[in-house]
Amino acid sequence: MYSDDELESAVQAGVMTPQVATAFRDYVAQKRATPTVDEEYFRLISGFNDIFVVIACLLLLVSITWIGDSVSLLFGAILQTITAWGLAEYFTRQRRMALPSIVLLLAFVGGVLATGMVLLERFDLSTDLIIGAPSAAAAIAAWLHWLRFKVPITVAAGTAALVASVVMILFALIPETRQWVTPITFIAGIALFILAMKWDASDRSRQTRRSDVAFWLHLITAPLIVHPVFSALGVFDGQVGLSQASAVVMLYVVIAIVSISIDRRAMMVSALIYVLYAFDTLLEHYGIISLGFAFTAFSLGSGLLLLSAFWHSCRKALLQFYPHFIQQRLPSLR
């Protein structure tokens, strides 16, 4: 199976024309009976060899870090960072292996973060600064990694580190802002959602690496938006009434409409746990204790399976109500 990255590389190398690559993608999409743009496809593994390499990389990284920690925590973190970058030079830059690339990227960024935290722990600083400053370094490291390797998840990892850095430094400088952690998280989620939509809009047909970048951004954005909203509804207060349950349902319908419109399922998945918890608590309140979760999961699972089967039809019907200029910024319909 050929990945989109490999097809794009073939086009850049002059092996095939962009028209041939597009025709090949369309042929594969038709053969699968579902348009690629509506599958939200992203490459994770191409075979068991990817898993084999990941296991080997993890063993090597853990052992090297462990050996380094025997000297000092700082030395162990530095060794992990250097090793992760070195392995990426082969498995990411030359072999283009998706899953190992993700693991090595996370190991590299995590190594930079750990190095910074170990260094700052020697000084009399607040916990917020000990986390915030190294998070900024991790964001810069992710940017350098992106320039070198172009792994799609790198943008999401770097953005998450940047958000963590800004929030933690803000808490350190202005402690009163801690009471506003929920709205701050929500605002950060909206900002990342806009960034993800920019990446999505740059590849409406979802045929290049930009679409994969958008996927990972949506994946980290979803909980940042969903959690503050459901927390504001009091879902986790322990007492969920009919009014709260109704609000949860209406909110989930809105999330579903947004998800279908942008052709991304991450927000719906992130919101599932809140809906399950809300209705399980509600049913327990009315005495249905043993089967409350089962009834809720059955209803949600059936609805989501039905939506999955008619996802393309729902998108087509929904987008008809949108103005043309909005349709031009959303993923294409085929």
C-alpha atoms as a PDB file:
ATOM      1  CA  MET A   1       0.000   0.000   0.000  1.00  0.00           C
ATOM      2  CA  TYR A   2       1.311   3.419  -0.956  1.00  0.00           C
ATOM      3  CA  SER A   3       0.932   6.338   1.432  1.00  0.00           C
ATOM      4  CA  ASP A   4       0.054   9.905   0.454  1.00  0.00           C
ATOM      5  CA  ASP A   5       3.541  11.018   1.520  1.00  0.00           C
ATOM      6  CA  GLU A   6       5.117   8.507  -0.872  1.00  0.00           C
ATOM      7  CA  LEU A   7       2.863   9.611  -3.734  1.00  0.00           C
ATOM      8  CA  GLU A   8       3.701  13.234  -3.004  1.00  0.00           C
ATOM      9  CA  SER A   9       7.416  12.397  -2.999  1.00  0.00           C
ATOM     10  CA  ALA A  10       7.013  10.612  -6.335  1.00  0.00           C
ATOM     11  CA  VAL A  11       5.379  13.715  -7.804  1.00  0.00           C
ATOM     12  CA  GLN A  12       8.168  15.958  -6.505  1.00  0.00           C
ATOM     13  CA  ALA A  13      10.784  13.577  -7.918  1.00  0.00           C
ATOM     14  CA  GLY A  14       9.117  13.655 -11.331  1.00  0.00           C
ATOM     15  CA  VAL A  15       8.247   9.950 -11.289  1.00  0.00           C
ATOM     16  CA  MET A  16       4.599  10.784 -11.967  1.00  0.00           C
ATOM     17  CA  THR A  17       2.584  13.904 -12.706  1.00  0.00           C
ATOM     18  CA  PRO A  18       0.199  15.471 -10.167  1.00  0.00           C
ATOM     19  CA  GLN A  19      -2.696  14.486 -12.448  1.00  0.00           C
ATOM     20  CA  VAL A  20      -1.669  10.822 -12.366  1.00  0.00           C
ATOM     21  CA  ALA A  21      -1.333  10.905  -8.567  1.00  0.00           C
ATOM     22  CA  THR A  22      -4.793  12.456  -8.221  1.00  0.00           C
ATOM     23  CA  ALA A  23      -6.292   9.904 -10.604  1.00  0.00           C
ATOM     24  CA  PHE A  24      -4.687   7.085  -8.607  1.00  0.00           C
ATOM     25  CA  ARG A  25      -6.128   8.414  -5.337  1.00  0.00           C
ATOM     26  CA  ASP A  26      -9.576   8.767  -6.906  1.00  0.00           C
ATOM     27  CA  TYR A  27      -9.407   5.215  -8.245  1.00  0.00           C
ATOM     28  CA  VAL A  28      -8.514   3.810  -4.822  1.00  0.00           C
ATOM     29  CA  ALA A  29     -11.289   5.875  -3.207  1.00  0.00           C
ATOM     30  CA  GLN A  30     -13.875   4.573  -5.692  1.00  0.00           C
ATOM     31  CA  LYS A  31     -12.664   1.010  -5.202  1.00  0.00           C
ATOM     32  CA  ARG A  32     -13.205   1.356  -1.459  1.00  0.00           C
ATOM     33  CA  ALA A  33     -16.728   2.665  -2.173  1.00  0.00           C
ATOM     34  CA  THR A  34     -16.178   5.616   0.158  1.00  0.00           C
ATOM     35  CA  PRO A  35     -14.507   8.927  -0.771  1.00  0.00           C
ATOM     36  CA  THR A  36     -11.105   9.337   0.863  1.00  0.00           C
ATOM     37  CA  VAL A  37     -11.973  12.853   1.951  1.00  0.00           C
ATOM     38  CA  ASP A  38     -14.831  11.464   4.072  1.00  0.00           C
ATOM     39  CA  GLU A  39     -12.856   8.603   5.645  1.00  0.00           C
ATOM     40  CA  GLU A  40     -10.651  10.930   7.718  1.00  0.00           C
ATOM     41  CA  TYR A  41      -7.770   8.679   6.744  1.00  0.00           C
ATOM     42  CA  PHE A  42      -4.370   9.082   8.335  1.00  0.00           C
ATOM     43  CA  ARG A  43      -1.387   6.808   8.129  1.00  0.00           C
ATOM     44  CA  LEU A  44      -0.335   5.083  11.332  1.00  0.00           C
ATOM     45  CA  ILE A  45       1.106   1.676  10.438  1.00  0.00           C
ATOM     46  CA  SER A  46       1.844   0.004   7.114  1.00  0.00           C
ATOM     47  CA  GLY A  47       2.651  -3.421   8.552  1.00  0.00           C
ATOM     48  CA  PHE A  48       3.750  -5.312  11.630  1.00  0.00           C
ATOM     49  CA  ASN A  49       7.302  -4.149  10.990  1.00  0.00           C
ATOM     50  CA  ASP A  50       6.221  -0.712  12.255  1.00  0.00           C
ATOM     51  CA  ILE A  51       5.201  -2.266  15.584  1.00  0.00           C
ATOM     52  CA  PHE A  52       8.414  -4.297  15.650  1.00  0.00           C
ATOM     53  CA  VAL A  53      10.513  -1.152  15.152  1.00  0.00           C
ATOM     54  CA  VAL A  54       8.543   0.739  17.799  1.00  0.00           C
ATOM     55  CA  ILE A  55       9.151  -2.009  20.364  1.00  0.00           C
ATOM     56  CA  ALA A  56      12.868  -2.022  19.532  1.00  0.00           C
ATOM     57  CA  CYS A  57      13.071   1.782  19.733  1.00  0.00           C
ATOM     58  CA  LEU A  58      11.286   1.837  23.086  1.00  0.00           C
ATOM     59  CA  LEU A  59      13.606  -0.824  24.489  1.00  0.00           C
ATOM     60  CA  LEU A  60      16.638   1.136  23.323  1.00  0.00           C
ATOM     61  CA  LEU A  61      15.341   4.489  24.576  1.00  0.00           C
ATOM     62  CA  VAL A  62      14.313   3.124  27.975  1.00  0.00           C
ATOM     63  CA  SER A  63      17.608   1.297  28.484  1.00  0.00           C
ATOM     64  CA  ILE A  64      19.758   4.250  27.426  1.00  0.00           C
ATOM     65  CA  THR A  65      17.773   6.639  29.617  1.00  0.00           C
ATOM     66  CA  TRP A  66      17.999   4.199  32.512  1.00  0.00           C
ATOM     67  CA  ILE A  67      21.767   3.922  32.120  1.00  0.00           C
ATOM     68  CA  GLY A  68      22.053   7.695  31.907  1.00  0.00           C
ATOM     69  CA  ASP A  69      19.914   8.140  35.023  1.00  0.00           C
ATOM     70  CA  SER A  70      22.425   6.035  36.939  1.00  0.00           C
ATOM     71  CA  VAL A  71      24.872   8.898  36.396  1.00  0.00           C
ATOM     72  CA  SER A  72      22.361  11.731  36.815  1.00  0.00           C
ATOM     73  CA  LEU A  73      18.786  12.541  35.802  1.00  0.00           C
ATOM     74  CA  LEU A  74      20.076  15.319  33.568  1.00  0.00           C
ATOM     75  CA  PHE A  75      22.427  12.978  31.726  1.00  0.00           C
ATOM     76  CA  GLY A  76      19.622  10.456  31.222  1.00  0.00           C
ATOM     77  CA  ALA A  77      17.274  13.081  29.759  1.00  0.00           C
ATOM     78  CA  ILE A  78      19.979  14.377  27.409  1.00  0.00           C
ATOM     79  CA  LEU A  79      20.794  10.846  26.242  1.00  0.00           C
ATOM     80  CA  GLN A  80      17.113  10.199  25.512  1.00  0.00           C
ATOM     81  CA  THR A  81      16.856  13.402  23.479  1.00  0.00           C
ATOM     82  CA  ILE A  82      19.966  12.704  21.406  1.00  0.00           C
ATOM     83  CA  THR A  83      19.049   9.056  20.821  1.00  0.00           C
ATOM     84  CA  ALA A  84      15.506   9.903  19.706  1.00  0.00           C
ATOM     85  CA  TRP A  85      16.809  12.426  17.163  1.00  0.00           C
ATOM     86  CA  GLY A  86      19.457  10.005  15.911  1.00  0.00           C
ATOM     87  CA  LEU A  87      16.944   7.189  15.391  1.00  0.00           C
ATOM     88  CA  ALA A  88      14.622   9.605  13.593  1.00  0.00           C
ATOM     89  CA  GLU A  89      17.361  10.361  11.065  1.00  0.00           C
ATOM     90  CA  TYR A  90      16.954   6.815   9.769  1.00  0.00           C
ATOM     91  CA  PHE A  91      13.434   5.627  10.581  1.00  0.00           C
ATOM     92  CA  THR A  92      11.748   8.973   9.871  1.00  0.00           C
ATOM     93  CA  ARG A  93      13.878  10.783   7.318  1.00  0.00           C
ATOM     94  CA  GLN A  94      14.929   7.752   5.261  1.00  0.00           C
ATOM     95  CA  ARG A  95      12.394   4.985   5.940  1.00  0.00           C
ATOM     96  CA  ARG A  96       9.372   7.278   6.455  1.00  0.00           C
ATOM     97  CA  MET A  97       7.819   4.905   8.989  1.00  0.00           C
ATOM     98  CA  ALA A  98       4.748   6.543  10.507  1.00  0.00           C
ATOM     99  CA  LEU A  99       4.308   4.927  13.930  1.00  0.00           C
ATOM    100  CA  PRO A 100       8.037   4.883  14.824  1.00  0.00           C
ATOM    101  CA  SER A 101       8.234   8.528  13.729  1.00  0.00           C
ATOM    102  CA  ILE A 102       5.449   9.454  16.148  1.00  0.00           C
ATOM    103  CA  VAL A 103       7.086   7.594  19.033  1.00  0.00           C
ATOM    104  CA  LEU A 104      10.508   9.104  18.324  1.00  0.00           C
ATOM    105  CA  LEU A 105       9.040  12.601  18.061  1.00  0.00           C
ATOM    106  CA  LEU A 106       7.320  12.248  21.436  1.00  0.00           C
ATOM    107  CA  ALA A 107      10.511  10.826  22.953  1.00  0.00           C
ATOM    108  CA  PHE A 108      12.543  13.751  21.597  1.00  0.00           C
ATOM    109  CA  VAL A 109      10.145  16.457  22.777  1.00  0.00           C
ATOM    110  CA  GLY A 110       9.689  14.660  26.102  1.00  0.00           C
ATOM    111  CA  GLY A 111      13.461  14.474  26.491  1.00  0.00           C
ATOM    112  CA  VAL A 112      13.825  18.217  25.947  1.00  0.00           C
ATOM    113  CA  LEU A 113      11.037  18.869  28.460  1.00  0.00           C
ATOM    114  CA  ALA A 114      12.634  16.555  31.041  1.00  0.00           C
ATOM    115  CA  THR A 115      16.061  18.128  30.506  1.00  0.00           C
ATOM    116  CA  GLY A 116      14.686  21.600  31.160  1.00  0.00           C
ATOM    117  CA  MET A 117      12.767  20.523  34.247  1.00  0.00           C
ATOM    118  CA  VAL A 118      15.801  18.781  35.756  1.00  0.00           C
ATOM    119  CA  LEU A 119      17.912  21.890  35.157  1.00  0.00           C
ATOM    120  CA  LEU A 120      15.388  24.278  36.719  1.00  0.00           C
ATOM    121  CA  GLU A 121      14.752  22.075  39.750  1.00  0.00           C
ATOM    122  CA  ARG A 122      18.171  23.165  41.009  1.00  0.00           C
ATOM    123  CA  PHE A 123      16.862  26.699  41.474  1.00  0.00           C
ATOM    124  CA  ASP A 124      14.307  28.031  43.933  1.00  0.00           C
ATOM    125  CA  LEU A 125      11.467  28.416  41.440  1.00  0.00           C
ATOM    126  CA  SER A 126       7.769  27.719  41.562  1.00  0.00           C
ATOM    127  CA  THR A 127       6.394  24.503  40.083  1.00  0.00           C
ATOM    128  CA  ASP A 128       4.603  26.546  37.429  1.00  0.00           C
ATOM    129  CA  LEU A 129       7.884  27.991  36.147  1.00  0.00           C
ATOM    130  CA  ILE A 130       9.656  24.645  36.376  1.00  0.00           C
ATOM    131  CA  ILE A 131       7.015  23.261  34.005  1.00  0.00           C
ATOM    132  CA  GLY A 132       6.306  26.386  31.941  1.00  0.00           C
ATOM    133  CA  ALA A 133       9.822  27.347  30.852  1.00  0.00           C
ATOM    134  CA  PRO A 134      10.842  23.835  29.706  1.00  0.00           C
ATOM    135  CA  SER A 135       7.514  23.579  27.866  1.00  0.00           C
ATOM    136  CA  ALA A 136       8.569  26.598  25.816  1.00  0.00           C
ATOM    137  CA  ALA A 137      11.866  24.842  25.075  1.00  0.00           C
ATOM    138  CA  ALA A 138       9.908  21.728  24.065  1.00  0.00           C
ATOM    139  CA  ALA A 139       7.819  23.827  21.664  1.00  0.00           C
ATOM    140  CA  ILE A 140      10.991  25.212  20.049  1.00  0.00           C
ATOM    141  CA  ALA A 141      12.418  21.683  19.847  1.00  0.00           C
ATOM    142  CA  ALA A 142       9.240  20.500  18.126  1.00  0.00           C
ATOM    143  CA  TRP A 143       9.571  23.336  15.602  1.00  0.00           C
ATOM    144  CA  LEU A 144      13.173  22.319  14.821  1.00  0.00           C
ATOM    145  CA  HIS A 145      12.051  18.691  14.510  1.00  0.00           C
ATOM    146  CA  TRP A 146       9.337  19.780  12.059  1.00  0.00           C
ATOM    147  CA  LEU A 147      11.843  21.650   9.908  1.00  0.00           C
ATOM    148  CA  ARG A 148      13.971  18.517   9.677  1.00  0.00           C
ATOM    149  CA  PHE A 149      11.502  15.627   9.515  1.00  0.00           C
ATOM    150  CA  LYS A 150       7.996  16.993   8.762  1.00  0.00           C
ATOM    151  CA  VAL A 151       6.179  14.435  10.947  1.00  0.00           C
ATOM    152  CA  PRO A 152       2.479  15.489  10.991  1.00  0.00           C
ATOM    153  CA  ILE A 153       1.989  15.089  14.746  1.00  0.00           C
ATOM    154  CA  THR A 154       4.897  17.476  15.413  1.00  0.00           C
ATOM    155  CA  VAL A 155       2.771  20.595  14.913  1.00  0.00           C
ATOM    156  CA  ALA A 156       0.219  19.351  17.446  1.00  0.00           C
ATOM    157  CA  ALA A 157       2.918  18.382  19.952  1.00  0.00           C
ATOM    158  CA  GLY A 158       4.663  21.735  19.609  1.00  0.00           C
ATOM    159  CA  THR A 159       1.406  23.649  19.873  1.00  0.00           C
ATOM    160  CA  ALA A 160       0.374  21.717  22.981  1.00  0.00           C
ATOM    161  CA  ALA A 161       3.759  22.472  24.563  1.00  0.00           C
ATOM    162  CA  LEU A 162       3.390  26.156  23.681  1.00  0.00           C
ATOM    163  CA  VAL A 163      -0.090  26.347  25.210  1.00  0.00           C
ATOM    164  CA  ALA A 164       1.143  24.600  28.364  1.00  0.00           C
ATOM    165  CA  SER A 165       4.053  27.030  28.557  1.00  0.00           C
ATOM    166  CA  VAL A 166       1.870  30.126  28.228  1.00  0.00           C
ATOM    167  CA  VAL A 167      -0.673  28.890  30.779  1.00  0.00           C
ATOM    168  CA  MET A 168       1.896  27.786  33.379  1.00  0.00           C
ATOM    169  CA  ILE A 169       3.955  30.977  33.078  1.00  0.00           C
ATOM    170  CA  LEU A 170       0.729  32.985  33.369  1.00  0.00           C
ATOM    171  CA  PHE A 171      -0.111  31.117  36.581  1.00  0.00           C
ATOM    172  CA  ALA A 172       3.397  31.795  37.902  1.00  0.00           C
ATOM    173  CA  LEU A 173       3.306  35.525  37.158  1.00  0.00           C
ATOM    174  CA  ILE A 174      -0.355  36.123  38.045  1.00  0.00           C
ATOM    175  CA  PRO A 175      -1.503  33.486  40.579  1.00  0.00           C
ATOM    176  CA  GLU A 176      -5.053  34.918  40.575  1.00  0.00           C
ATOM    177  CA  THR A 177      -5.566  33.563  37.061  1.00  0.00           C
ATOM    178  CA  ARG A 178      -5.787  30.023  38.451  1.00  0.00           C
ATOM    179  CA  GLN A 179      -9.449  30.578  39.219  1.00  0.00           C
ATOM    180  CA  TRP A 180     -10.008  31.208  35.509  1.00  0.00           C
ATOM    181  CA  VAL A 181      -8.442  27.938  34.376  1.00  0.00           C
ATOM    182  CA  THR A 182     -11.693  26.721  32.752  1.00  0.00           C
ATOM    183  CA  PRO A 183     -12.258  29.750  30.479  1.00  0.00           C
ATOM    184  CA  ILE A 184      -8.517  29.926  29.726  1.00  0.00           C
ATOM    185  CA  THR A 185      -8.586  26.288  28.626  1.00  0.00           C
ATOM    186  CA  PHE A 186     -11.649  26.950  26.473  1.00  0.00           C
ATOM    187  CA  ILE A 187     -10.057  29.994  24.804  1.00  0.00           C
ATOM    188  CA  ALA A 188      -6.912  27.966  24.108  1.00  0.00           C
ATOM    189  CA  GLY A 189      -9.083  25.250  22.566  1.00  0.00           C
ATOM    190  CA  ILE A 190     -10.855  27.734  20.295  1.00  0.00           C
ATOM    191  CA  ALA A 191      -7.507  29.186  19.184  1.00  0.00           C
ATOM    192  CA  LEU A 192      -6.189  25.708  18.357  1.00  0.00           C
ATOM    193  CA  PHE A 193      -9.445  24.879  16.558  1.00  0.00           C
ATOM    194  CA  ILE A 194      -8.949  27.906  14.300  1.00  0.00           C
ATOM    195  CA  LEU A 195      -5.366  26.791  13.646  1.00  0.00           C
ATOM    196  CA  ALA A 196      -6.546  23.263  12.814  1.00  0.00           C
ATOM    197  CA  MET A 197      -9.167  24.633  10.418  1.00  0.00           C
ATOM    198  CA  LYS A 198      -6.474  26.670   8.649  1.00  0.00           C
ATOM    199  CA  TRP A 199      -4.501  23.502   8.007  1.00  0.00           C
ATOM    200  CA  ASP A 200      -7.693  21.748   6.908  1.00  0.00           C
ATOM    201  CA  ALA A 201      -8.631  24.563   4.532  1.00  0.00           C
ATOM    202  CA  SER A 202      -5.218  24.326   2.868  1.00  0.00           C
ATOM    203  CA  ASP A 203      -5.967  20.739   1.793  1.00  0.00           C
ATOM    204  CA  ARG A 204      -9.717  20.411   1.258  1.00  0.00           C
ATOM    205  CA  SER A 205      -9.282  17.156  -0.686  1.00  0.00           C
ATOM    206  CA  ARG A 206      -7.178  15.619   2.105  1.00  0.00           C
ATOM    207  CA  GLN A 207      -4.460  14.274  -0.118  1.00  0.00           C
ATOM    208  CA  THR A 208      -1.304  15.699   1.468  1.00  0.00           C
ATOM    209  CA  ARG A 209       0.551  15.856   4.759  1.00  0.00           C
ATOM    210  CA  ARG A 210      -1.339  19.033   5.707  1.00  0.00           C
ATOM    211  CA  SER A 211      -4.497  17.007   6.295  1.00  0.00           C
ATOM    212  CA  ASP A 212      -2.626  14.740   8.736  1.00  0.00           C
ATOM    213  CA  VAL A 213      -1.363  17.810  10.591  1.00  0.00           C
ATOM    214  CA  ALA A 214      -4.948  19.049  10.888  1.00  0.00           C
ATOM    215  CA  PHE A 215      -6.078  15.649  12.192  1.00  0.00           C
ATOM    216  CA  TRP A 216      -3.619  15.698  15.095  1.00  0.00           C
ATOM    217  CA  LEU A 217      -4.451  19.338  15.864  1.00  0.00           C
ATOM    218  CA  HIS A 218      -8.159  18.493  16.042  1.00  0.00           C
ATOM    219  CA  LEU A 219      -7.320  15.558  18.309  1.00  0.00           C
ATOM    220  CA  ILE A 220      -5.659  17.763  20.948  1.00  0.00           C
ATOM    221  CA  THR A 221      -8.138  20.609  20.413  1.00  0.00           C
ATOM    222  CA  ALA A 222     -11.268  18.573  21.117  1.00  0.00           C
ATOM    223  CA  PRO A 223     -10.762  17.965  24.875  1.00  0.00           C
ATOM    224  CA  LEU A 224      -9.669  21.586  25.399  1.00  0.00           C
ATOM    225  CA  ILE A 225     -13.042  22.739  24.056  1.00  0.00           C
ATOM    226  CA  VAL A 226     -15.288  19.950  25.286  1.00  0.00           C
ATOM    227  CA  HIS A 227     -14.090  19.616  28.895  1.00  0.00           C
ATOM    228  CA  PRO A 228     -14.632  23.270  29.963  1.00  0.00           C
ATOM    229  CA  VAL A 229     -18.104  23.351  28.392  1.00  0.00           C
ATOM    230  CA  PHE A 230     -19.318  20.186  30.086  1.00  0.00           C
ATOM    231  CA  SER A 231     -17.692  21.233  33.355  1.00  0.00           C
ATOM    232  CA  ALA A 232     -19.630  24.515  33.188  1.00  0.00           C
ATOM    233  CA  LEU A 233     -22.841  22.487  32.884  1.00  0.00           C
ATOM    234  CA  GLY A 234     -22.011  20.804  36.191  1.00  0.00           C
ATOM    235  CA  VAL A 235     -21.745  17.310  34.739  1.00  0.00           C
ATOM    236  CA  PHE A 236     -19.155  16.297  37.342  1.00  0.00           C
ATOM    237  CA  ASP A 237     -20.994  17.717  40.356  1.00  0.00           C
ATOM    238  CA  GLY A 238     -22.434  14.288  41.087  1.00  0.00           C
ATOM    239  CA  GLN A 239     -26.101  15.272  40.743  1.00  0.00           C
ATOM    240  CA  VAL A 240     -27.348  15.333  37.148  1.00  0.00           C
ATOM    241  CA  GLY A 241     -30.994  16.311  36.685  1.00  0.00           C
ATOM    242  CA  LEU A 242     -33.255  16.285  33.646  1.00  0.00           C
ATOM    243  CA  SER A 243     -32.355  19.869  32.767  1.00  0.00           C
ATOM    244  CA  GLN A 244     -28.633  19.122  32.801  1.00  0.00           C
ATOM    245  CA  ALA A 245     -29.125  15.907  30.818  1.00  0.00           C
ATOM    246  CA  SER A 246     -31.171  17.808  28.230  1.00  0.00           C
ATOM    247  CA  ALA A 247     -28.451  20.450  27.982  1.00  0.00           C
ATOM    248  CA  VAL A 248     -25.845  17.706  27.506  1.00  0.00           C
ATOM    249  CA  VAL A 249     -27.886  16.176  24.678  1.00  0.00           C
ATOM    250  CA  MET A 250     -28.373  19.528  22.936  1.00  0.00           C
ATOM    251  CA  LEU A 251     -24.690  20.318  23.296  1.00  0.00           C
ATOM    252  CA  TYR A 252     -23.728  16.933  21.870  1.00  0.00           C
ATOM    253  CA  VAL A 253     -26.049  17.558  18.904  1.00  0.00           C
ATOM    254  CA  VAL A 254     -24.251  20.871  18.303  1.00  0.00           C
ATOM    255  CA  ILE A 255     -20.891  19.095  18.543  1.00  0.00           C
ATOM    256  CA  ALA A 256     -22.140  16.480  16.067  1.00  0.00           C
ATOM    257  CA  ILE A 257     -23.226  19.194  13.608  1.00  0.00           C
ATOM    258  CA  VAL A 258     -19.823  20.889  13.856  1.00  0.00           C
ATOM    259  CA  SER A 259     -18.036  17.543  13.483  1.00  0.00           C
ATOM    260  CA  ILE A 260     -20.041  16.582  10.400  1.00  0.00           C
ATOM    261  CA  SER A 261     -19.539  20.029   8.884  1.00  0.00           C
ATOM    262  CA  ILE A 262     -15.757  19.969   9.222  1.00  0.00           C
ATOM    263  CA  ASP A 263     -15.631  16.200   8.600  1.00  0.00           C
ATOM    264  CA  ARG A 264     -13.728  15.503  11.810  1.00  0.00           C
ATOM    265  CA  ARG A 265     -14.866  13.025  14.449  1.00  0.00           C
ATOM    266  CA  ALA A 266     -12.445  13.927  17.262  1.00  0.00           C
ATOM    267  CA  MET A 267     -14.822  16.302  19.065  1.00  0.00           C
ATOM    268  CA  MET A 268     -17.609  13.715  19.141  1.00  0.00           C
ATOM    269  CA  VAL A 269     -15.248  11.099  20.551  1.00  0.00           C
ATOM    270  CA  SER A 270     -13.960  13.504  23.223  1.00  0.00           C
ATOM    271  CA  ALA A 271     -17.508  14.374  24.296  1.00  0.00           C
ATOM    272  CA  LEU A 272     -18.613  10.740  24.579  1.00  0.00           C
ATOM    273  CA  ILE A 273     -17.299  10.209  28.108  1.00  0.00           C
ATOM    274  CA  TYR A 274     -19.244  13.231  29.372  1.00  0.00           C
ATOM    275  CA  VAL A 275     -22.505  12.081  27.781  1.00  0.00           C
ATOM    276  CA  LEU A 276     -22.044   8.555  29.137  1.00  0.00           C
ATOM    277  CA  TYR A 277     -21.313   9.856  32.621  1.00  0.00           C
ATOM    278  CA  ALA A 278     -24.231  12.310  32.614  1.00  0.00           C
ATOM    279  CA  PHE A 279     -26.864   9.766  31.609  1.00  0.00           C
ATOM    280  CA  ASP A 280     -25.429   7.004  33.775  1.00  0.00           C
ATOM    281  CA  THR A 281     -25.681   9.350  36.765  1.00  0.00           C
ATOM    282  CA  LEU A 282     -29.211  10.372  35.755  1.00  0.00           C
ATOM    283  CA  LEU A 283     -30.397   6.761  35.479  1.00  0.00           C
ATOM    284  CA  GLU A 284     -28.821   5.942  38.841  1.00  0.00           C
ATOM    285  CA  HIS A 285     -30.780   8.863  40.296  1.00  0.00           C
ATOM    286  CA  TYR A 286     -33.982   7.173  39.127  1.00  0.00           C
ATOM    287  CA  GLY A 287     -32.977   3.809  40.541  1.00  0.00           C
ATOM    288  CA  ILE A 288     -31.580   2.128  37.413  1.00  0.00           C
ATOM    289  CA  ILE A 289     -28.187   1.377  38.912  1.00  0.00           C
ATOM    290  CA  SER A 290     -26.964  -1.915  37.482  1.00  0.00           C
ATOM    291  CA  LEU A 291     -27.930  -1.337  33.835  1.00  0.00           C
ATOM    292  CA  GLY A 292     -27.666   2.444  33.585  1.00  0.00           C
ATOM    293  CA  PHE A 293     -24.319   2.451  31.835  1.00  0.00           C
ATOM    294  CA  ALA A 294     -25.344  -0.438  29.564  1.00  0.00           C
ATOM    295  CA  PHE A 295     -28.517   1.331  28.381  1.00  0.00           C
ATOM    296  CA  THR A 296     -26.623   4.581  27.784  1.00  0.00           C
ATOM    297  CA  ALA A 297     -23.775   2.878  25.923  1.00  0.00           C
ATOM    298  CA  PHE A 298     -26.237   0.869  23.815  1.00  0.00           C
ATOM    299  CA  SER A 299     -28.152   3.988  22.760  1.00  0.00           C
ATOM    300  CA  LEU A 300     -25.031   6.000  21.983  1.00  0.00           C
ATOM    301  CA  GLY A 301     -23.291   3.128  20.200  1.00  0.00           C
ATOM    302  CA  SER A 302     -26.308   2.457  17.994  1.00  0.00           C
ATOM    303  CA  GLY A 303     -26.656   6.122  17.115  1.00  0.00           C
ATOM    304  CA  LEU A 304     -22.973   6.540  16.292  1.00  0.00           C
ATOM    305  CA  LEU A 305     -22.922   3.409  14.126  1.00  0.00           C
ATOM    306  CA  LEU A 306     -25.936   4.716  12.219  1.00  0.00           C
ATOM    307  CA  LEU A 307     -24.254   8.093  11.794  1.00  0.00           C
ATOM    308  CA  SER A 308     -21.065   6.400  10.590  1.00  0.00           C
ATOM    309  CA  ALA A 309     -23.006   4.503   7.922  1.00  0.00           C
ATOM    310  CA  PHE A 310     -24.689   7.679   6.627  1.00  0.00           C
ATOM    311  CA  TRP A 311     -21.915  10.175   7.368  1.00  0.00           C
ATOM    312  CA  HIS A 312     -21.438  11.224   3.748  1.00  0.00           C
ATOM    313  CA  SER A 313     -25.180  11.653   3.163  1.00  0.00           C
ATOM    314  CA  CYS A 314     -25.527  13.716   6.339  1.00  0.00           C
ATOM    315  CA  ARG A 315     -22.648  15.988   5.288  1.00  0.00           C
ATOM    316  CA  LYS A 316     -24.123  16.486   1.860  1.00  0.00           C
ATOM    317  CA  ALA A 317     -27.527  17.396   3.281  1.00  0.00           C
ATOM    318  CA  LEU A 318     -26.080  19.655   5.992  1.00  0.00           C
ATOM    319  CA  LEU A 319     -23.702  21.641   3.785  1.00  0.00           C
ATOM    320  CA  GLN A 320     -26.572  22.650   1.502  1.00  0.00           C
ATOM    321  CA  PHE A 321     -27.699  25.074   4.213  1.00  0.00           C
ATOM    322  CA  TYR A 322     -24.292  26.781   4.414  1.00  0.00           C
ATOM    323  CA  PRO A 323     -23.384  29.871   2.380  1.00  0.00           C
ATOM    324  CA  HIS A 324     -21.075  29.262  -0.562  1.00  0.00           C
ATOM    325  CA  PHE A 325     -18.106  31.079   1.001  1.00  0.00           C
ATOM    326  CA  ILE A 326     -18.253  28.759   4.030  1.00  0.00           C
ATOM    327  CA  GLN A 327     -18.526  25.657   1.846  1.00  0.00           C
ATOM    328  CA  GLN A 328     -15.365  26.756   0.038  1.00  0.00           C
ATOM    329  CA  ARG A 329     -13.440  26.564   3.322  1.00  0.00           C
ATOM    330  CA  LEU A 330     -14.692  23.143   4.401  1.00  0.00           C
ATOM    331  CA  PRO A 331     -13.439  19.733   3.224  1.00  0.00           C
ATOM    332  CA  SER A 332     -14.673  18.853  -0.242  1.00  0.00           C
ATOM    333  CA  LEU A 333     -17.699  16.713  -0.958  1.00  0.00           C
ATOM    334  CA  ARG A 334     -17.354  13.951  -3.532  1.00  0.00           C
END
